[in-house]
Amino acid sequence: MNKLEELNRVFKNLFPQPTILITAEVVSVEGDTCTVKFNDDLKVGNVRLRPTGSDTTTKLLLTPRIGSFVLLGSQSGDYNNCNVLQVEEPAKLEITGEKLALSIDIAAGTITINNGELGGLVKIQELKDNLQSIADFVNAVNGALPGAFSAIGAGAAANGATGASTYNNAMAGKTIAIKDMEDTNVTH
């Protein structure tokens, strides 16, 4: 017996009943299950979107768009134990684990990481532009102060030269540095 014949024999022993594969239209989605229809009148509910109905903390869930078609499979040979094998048009992709929750809602055009607890991702160029604007303003103030101190003049109550010297000594070596803050591991 060659290897292909042996593999066929093993499969027949593992799966004595034929696996049913059929295409159906998604009517509604209910969490980890959906309702599908065959033709125009036969509806079947509780079709699993995942291989098993177990409730785990780590999962991958691909939700089909309502009105799209899915490929269903049933290892038991009837419609009591169906699950979705392939999605024609996804509406949402969810990946959850112990330290990560990622949701891509294709219909809404949104990506949510860890339930959005940290807000939206920073648009790095806008952040750099904002920080550069602050740096430009502070540098302008820094450039204007020595002249302002000199303009005050020397008097009994105010001494412009002393004020300018004190300010310059306090600011010696102080600069604004804008570091590269972009996390290239997360892009959008």
Protein backbone atom coordinates (compact mmCIF):
# COMPACT_ATOMS: atom_id res chain seq x y z
CA MET A 1 0.00 0.00 0.00
CA ASN A 2 1.46 3.38 -0.98
CA LYS A 3 1.44 6.45 1.29
CA LEU A 4 -1.57 8.10 -0.41
CA GLU A 5 -3.68 4.95 0.00
CA GLU A 6 -2.61 4.73 3.65
CA LEU A 7 -3.60 8.37 4.23
CA ASN A 8 -7.02 7.73 2.64
CA ARG A 9 -7.52 4.71 4.92
CA VAL A 10 -6.59 6.78 8.01
CA PHE A 11 -9.01 9.57 7.01
CA LYS A 12 -11.85 7.09 6.46
CA ASN A 13 -11.25 5.62 9.92
CA LEU A 14 -11.13 9.06 11.55
CA PHE A 15 -14.14 10.43 9.68
CA PRO A 16 -16.56 7.57 8.96
CA GLN A 17 -19.38 10.00 8.12
CA PRO A 18 -18.89 12.42 5.27
CA THR A 19 -18.34 16.05 6.23
CA ILE A 20 -21.04 18.32 4.82
CA LEU A 21 -19.87 21.53 3.15
CA ILE A 22 -22.47 24.04 2.02
CA THR A 23 -22.73 27.74 1.22
CA ALA A 24 -25.31 29.90 2.99
CA GLU A 25 -26.21 33.58 3.36
CA VAL A 26 -25.72 35.31 6.74
CA VAL A 27 -29.00 36.70 8.10
CA SER A 28 -27.81 37.87 11.54
CA VAL A 29 -24.88 37.63 13.94
CA GLU A 30 -25.30 36.87 17.64
CA GLY A 31 -21.92 37.07 19.40
CA ASP A 32 -19.96 33.91 18.53
CA THR A 33 -22.78 32.47 16.40
CA CYS A 34 -24.84 33.49 13.39
CA THR A 35 -28.09 32.65 11.65
CA VAL A 36 -27.89 31.66 7.99
CA LYS A 37 -30.41 30.92 5.30
CA PHE A 38 -30.42 28.42 2.47
CA ASN A 39 -32.47 29.31 -0.60
CA ASP A 40 -35.02 31.88 0.53
CA ASP A 41 -36.94 30.15 3.28
CA LEU A 42 -34.81 27.69 5.28
CA LYS A 43 -33.01 29.38 8.21
CA VAL A 44 -30.60 27.74 10.65
CA GLY A 45 -29.47 29.47 13.85
CA ASN A 46 -26.66 28.88 16.35
CA VAL A 47 -24.09 28.35 13.60
CA ARG A 48 -20.74 28.75 15.35
CA LEU A 49 -18.23 31.30 14.07
CA ARG A 50 -15.46 29.38 15.86
CA PRO A 51 -14.71 25.64 15.70
CA THR A 52 -16.01 24.98 19.22
CA GLY A 53 -18.40 26.73 21.54
CA SER A 54 -15.90 26.84 24.40
CA ASP A 55 -15.50 30.13 26.22
CA THR A 56 -11.77 30.85 26.28
CA THR A 57 -9.77 33.97 27.14
CA THR A 58 -7.69 33.60 23.97
CA LYS A 59 -9.59 33.55 20.71
CA LEU A 60 -9.76 34.62 17.09
CA LEU A 61 -13.20 35.58 15.84
CA LEU A 62 -13.97 36.54 12.24
CA THR A 63 -17.50 37.94 11.98
CA PRO A 64 -19.14 37.86 8.55
CA ARG A 65 -21.03 40.80 7.09
CA ILE A 66 -24.81 40.36 7.17
CA GLY A 67 -25.99 39.54 3.67
CA SER A 68 -22.68 37.93 2.67
CA PHE A 69 -22.08 34.24 2.06
CA VAL A 70 -20.19 31.79 4.24
CA LEU A 71 -18.97 28.24 3.78
CA LEU A 72 -20.37 25.95 6.48
CA GLY A 73 -19.11 22.58 7.59
CA SER A 74 -20.66 19.84 9.69
CA GLN A 75 -18.65 16.84 10.82
CA SER A 76 -21.73 15.14 12.27
CA GLY A 77 -23.47 15.08 8.89
CA ASP A 78 -26.43 17.25 9.91
CA TYR A 79 -27.22 20.91 10.62
CA ASN A 80 -27.18 20.58 14.42
CA ASN A 81 -23.43 21.00 14.65
CA CYS A 82 -22.47 23.53 11.95
CA ASN A 83 -19.69 26.03 12.05
CA VAL A 84 -18.39 28.65 9.62
CA LEU A 85 -15.25 27.55 7.79
CA GLN A 86 -14.78 30.51 5.44
CA VAL A 87 -16.16 34.06 5.29
CA GLU A 88 -16.71 35.76 1.94
CA GLU A 89 -17.01 39.31 3.32
CA PRO A 90 -15.76 39.99 6.85
CA ALA A 91 -17.36 42.71 8.96
CA LYS A 92 -15.11 42.42 11.99
CA LEU A 93 -11.96 40.64 13.20
CA GLU A 94 -11.31 40.18 16.91
CA ILE A 95 -8.17 38.76 18.50
CA THR A 96 -8.11 38.48 22.27
CA GLY A 97 -5.51 37.08 24.64
CA GLU A 98 -4.26 37.51 28.17
CA LYS A 99 -2.45 40.79 27.41
CA LEU A 100 -4.00 41.92 24.14
CA ALA A 101 -7.39 42.74 22.69
CA LEU A 102 -7.45 43.78 19.04
CA SER A 103 -10.63 44.59 17.14
CA ILE A 104 -10.74 45.58 13.49
CA ASP A 105 -14.24 46.73 12.56
CA ILE A 106 -14.15 46.78 8.78
CA ALA A 107 -17.70 48.11 8.47
CA ALA A 108 -16.98 51.06 10.79
CA GLY A 109 -13.39 51.57 9.57
CA THR A 110 -11.95 51.44 13.11
CA ILE A 111 -9.13 49.61 14.86
CA THR A 112 -9.32 49.29 18.64
CA ILE A 113 -6.41 48.05 20.74
CA ASN A 114 -6.98 46.97 24.35
CA ASN A 115 -10.54 48.31 24.35
CA GLY A 116 -9.35 51.83 23.52
CA GLU A 117 -8.19 52.45 27.11
CA LEU A 118 -5.29 54.66 25.99
CA GLY A 119 -7.24 56.68 23.42
CA GLY A 120 -6.28 57.05 19.78
CA LEU A 121 -2.84 56.59 18.31
CA VAL A 122 -0.89 59.81 17.97
CA LYS A 123 -0.51 61.22 14.49
CA ILE A 124 3.23 61.61 14.76
CA GLN A 125 3.69 64.45 12.26
CA GLU A 126 1.02 66.57 13.96
CA LEU A 127 2.65 65.90 17.33
CA LYS A 128 6.05 66.92 15.99
CA ASP A 129 4.56 70.08 14.46
CA ASN A 130 2.87 70.99 17.77
CA LEU A 131 6.04 70.45 19.78
CA GLN A 132 8.09 72.42 17.24
CA SER A 133 5.60 75.29 17.61
CA ILE A 134 6.13 75.26 21.39
CA ALA A 135 9.91 75.14 20.94
CA ASP A 136 9.79 78.08 18.49
CA PHE A 137 7.71 80.12 20.95
CA VAL A 138 10.00 79.39 23.91
CA ASN A 139 13.07 80.22 21.78
CA ALA A 140 11.45 83.53 20.76
CA VAL A 141 10.77 84.39 24.42
CA ASN A 142 14.32 83.41 25.30
CA GLY A 143 15.65 85.68 22.54
CA ALA A 144 13.43 88.61 23.55
CA LEU A 145 14.13 88.61 27.30
CA PRO A 146 17.77 89.85 27.28
CA GLY A 147 16.78 92.84 25.15
CA ALA A 148 13.84 93.53 27.44
CA PHE A 149 16.09 93.42 30.49
CA SER A 150 18.52 95.83 28.84
CA ALA A 151 15.67 98.18 27.96
CA ILE A 152 14.59 98.35 31.59
CA GLY A 153 17.77 100.24 32.29
CA ALA A 154 19.73 100.72 35.46
CA GLY A 155 17.88 102.37 38.27
CA ALA A 156 17.45 102.20 41.98
CA ALA A 157 14.61 99.66 41.82
CA ALA A 158 15.49 97.83 38.61
CA ASN A 159 18.80 96.91 37.09
CA GLY A 160 18.54 95.72 33.48
CA ALA A 161 22.14 94.53 33.19
CA THR A 162 21.89 92.53 36.42
CA GLY A 163 18.53 91.04 35.36
CA ALA A 164 19.90 90.05 31.96
CA SER A 165 23.00 88.50 33.53
CA THR A 166 20.91 86.55 36.07
CA TYR A 167 18.57 85.30 33.32
CA ASN A 168 21.45 84.33 31.02
CA ASN A 169 23.18 82.42 33.84
CA ALA A 170 19.96 80.58 34.70
CA MET A 171 19.37 79.62 31.03
CA ALA A 172 22.97 78.59 30.29
CA GLY A 173 22.98 75.13 28.74
CA LYS A 174 19.18 74.86 28.68
CA THR A 175 17.74 73.72 25.35
CA ILE A 176 14.58 72.11 24.04
CA ALA A 177 15.19 68.79 22.35
CA ILE A 178 12.44 66.99 20.48
CA LYS A 179 13.17 63.28 20.35
CA ASP A 180 11.81 60.87 17.75
CA MET A 181 8.65 59.52 19.43
CA GLU A 182 7.24 57.38 16.61
CA ASP A 183 6.65 53.73 17.48
CA THR A 184 7.19 52.01 14.15
CA ASN A 185 5.84 48.75 15.58
CA VAL A 186 2.36 50.26 15.57
CA THR A 187 1.41 52.09 12.40
CA HIS A 188 -1.87 53.20 10.91
